[in-house]
Amino acid sequence: MTATPHQGAPVLTVQEAADYLRISRGLAVAAARDGSLPIVRIRRRILIPRRQLQAPRDGAQQRT
C-alpha cells in the first residue's frame, strides 16, 4: 500500500483498499457494487471501513 497522509484514518478510499488487498481499482469497485466489499457511501464517494476490511484478512492469516 502506498503511504498516504491518512494512513491511520478509519476509512479507506477505493484505491487505498485496492492497494491494501493487492487488487485492481476496477475489481475493488466491482466488489463494492456487488456487496462483497463493505462500503460507506457519502453522496457519490465510496469509502471502505478499515476495521471491516482487516477482519477477514486477519482471519485468513491465522488459518494458514
C-alpha atoms as a PDB file:
ATOM      1  CA  MET A   1       0.000   0.000   0.000  1.00  0.00           C
ATOM      2  CA  THR A   2       1.281   3.424  -0.819  1.00  0.00           C
ATOM      3  CA  ALA A   3       1.948   5.792   2.060  1.00  0.00           C
ATOM      4  CA  THR A   4      -0.764   8.396   2.481  1.00  0.00           C
ATOM      5  CA  PRO A   5      -1.263  11.279   4.886  1.00  0.00           C
ATOM      6  CA  HIS A   6      -4.392   9.495   6.169  1.00  0.00           C
ATOM      7  CA  GLN A   7      -2.690   6.187   6.951  1.00  0.00           C
ATOM      8  CA  GLY A   8      -4.431   5.903  10.332  1.00  0.00           C
ATOM      9  CA  ALA A   9      -7.849   7.011   9.067  1.00  0.00           C
ATOM     10  CA  PRO A  10     -10.809   4.782   9.963  1.00  0.00           C
ATOM     11  CA  VAL A  11     -11.853   4.559   6.297  1.00  0.00           C
ATOM     12  CA  LEU A  12     -10.015   3.933   3.028  1.00  0.00           C
ATOM     13  CA  THR A  13     -10.723   5.157  -0.463  1.00  0.00           C
ATOM     14  CA  VAL A  14     -11.403   2.554  -3.139  1.00  0.00           C
ATOM     15  CA  GLN A  15      -7.854   2.979  -4.465  1.00  0.00           C
ATOM     16  CA  GLU A  16      -6.324   2.594  -0.976  1.00  0.00           C
ATOM     17  CA  ALA A  17      -8.406  -0.530  -0.342  1.00  0.00           C
ATOM     18  CA  ALA A  18      -7.377  -1.949  -3.721  1.00  0.00           C
ATOM     19  CA  ASP A  19      -3.715  -1.316  -2.906  1.00  0.00           C
ATOM     20  CA  TYR A  20      -4.149  -2.928   0.528  1.00  0.00           C
ATOM     21  CA  LEU A  21      -5.806  -6.013  -0.970  1.00  0.00           C
ATOM     22  CA  ARG A  22      -3.411  -6.052  -3.953  1.00  0.00           C
ATOM     23  CA  ILE A  23      -6.221  -5.979  -6.494  1.00  0.00           C
ATOM     24  CA  SER A  24      -7.036  -3.546  -9.287  1.00  0.00           C
ATOM     25  CA  ARG A  25      -9.168  -0.478  -8.655  1.00  0.00           C
ATOM     26  CA  GLY A  26     -11.756  -1.818 -11.115  1.00  0.00           C
ATOM     27  CA  LEU A  27     -12.064  -5.080  -9.204  1.00  0.00           C
ATOM     28  CA  ALA A  28     -12.447  -3.152  -5.937  1.00  0.00           C
ATOM     29  CA  VAL A  29     -15.223  -1.017  -7.468  1.00  0.00           C
ATOM     30  CA  ALA A  30     -16.975  -4.147  -8.754  1.00  0.00           C
ATOM     31  CA  ALA A  31     -16.703  -5.782  -5.312  1.00  0.00           C
ATOM     32  CA  ALA A  32     -18.167  -2.649  -3.704  1.00  0.00           C
ATOM     33  CA  ARG A  33     -21.071  -2.678  -6.160  1.00  0.00           C
ATOM     34  CA  ASP A  34     -21.933  -6.358  -5.671  1.00  0.00           C
ATOM     35  CA  GLY A  35     -21.676  -6.122  -1.878  1.00  0.00           C
ATOM     36  CA  SER A  36     -18.660  -8.365  -1.356  1.00  0.00           C
ATOM     37  CA  LEU A  37     -16.651  -5.363  -0.138  1.00  0.00           C
ATOM     38  CA  PRO A  38     -18.237  -3.460   2.772  1.00  0.00           C
ATOM     39  CA  ILE A  39     -18.701   0.226   1.974  1.00  0.00           C
ATOM     40  CA  VAL A  40     -19.895   3.505   3.412  1.00  0.00           C
ATOM     41  CA  ARG A  41     -21.338   5.830   0.792  1.00  0.00           C
ATOM     42  CA  ILE A  42     -21.300   9.586   1.325  1.00  0.00           C
ATOM     43  CA  ARG A  43     -23.058  11.098  -1.665  1.00  0.00           C
ATOM     44  CA  ARG A  44     -21.002   9.840  -4.622  1.00  0.00           C
ATOM     45  CA  ARG A  45     -17.941   8.950  -2.567  1.00  0.00           C
ATOM     46  CA  ILE A  46     -17.338   5.301  -1.713  1.00  0.00           C
ATOM     47  CA  LEU A  47     -15.315   4.591   1.437  1.00  0.00           C
ATOM     48  CA  ILE A  48     -14.312   1.250   2.929  1.00  0.00           C
ATOM     49  CA  PRO A  49     -14.163   0.902   6.733  1.00  0.00           C
ATOM     50  CA  ARG A  50     -10.609  -0.127   7.647  1.00  0.00           C
ATOM     51  CA  ARG A  51     -11.737  -2.333  10.543  1.00  0.00           C
ATOM     52  CA  GLN A  52     -14.113  -4.396   8.372  1.00  0.00           C
ATOM     53  CA  LEU A  53     -11.501  -4.695   5.658  1.00  0.00           C
ATOM     54  CA  GLN A  54      -8.851  -6.012   8.044  1.00  0.00           C
ATOM     55  CA  ALA A  55     -11.063  -8.563   9.848  1.00  0.00           C
ATOM     56  CA  PRO A  56     -11.336 -11.155   7.039  1.00  0.00           C
ATOM     57  CA  ARG A  57      -7.699 -10.734   6.082  1.00  0.00           C
ATOM     58  CA  ASP A  58      -6.555 -11.227   9.702  1.00  0.00           C
ATOM     59  CA  GLY A  59      -8.685 -14.373   9.968  1.00  0.00           C
ATOM     60  CA  ALA A  60      -7.234 -15.793   6.762  1.00  0.00           C
ATOM     61  CA  GLN A  61      -3.700 -15.328   8.062  1.00  0.00           C
ATOM     62  CA  GLN A  62      -4.488 -17.198  11.264  1.00  0.00           C
ATOM     63  CA  ARG A  63      -5.772 -20.274   9.394  1.00  0.00           C
ATOM     64  CA  THR A  64      -2.611 -20.740   7.345  1.00  0.00           C
END
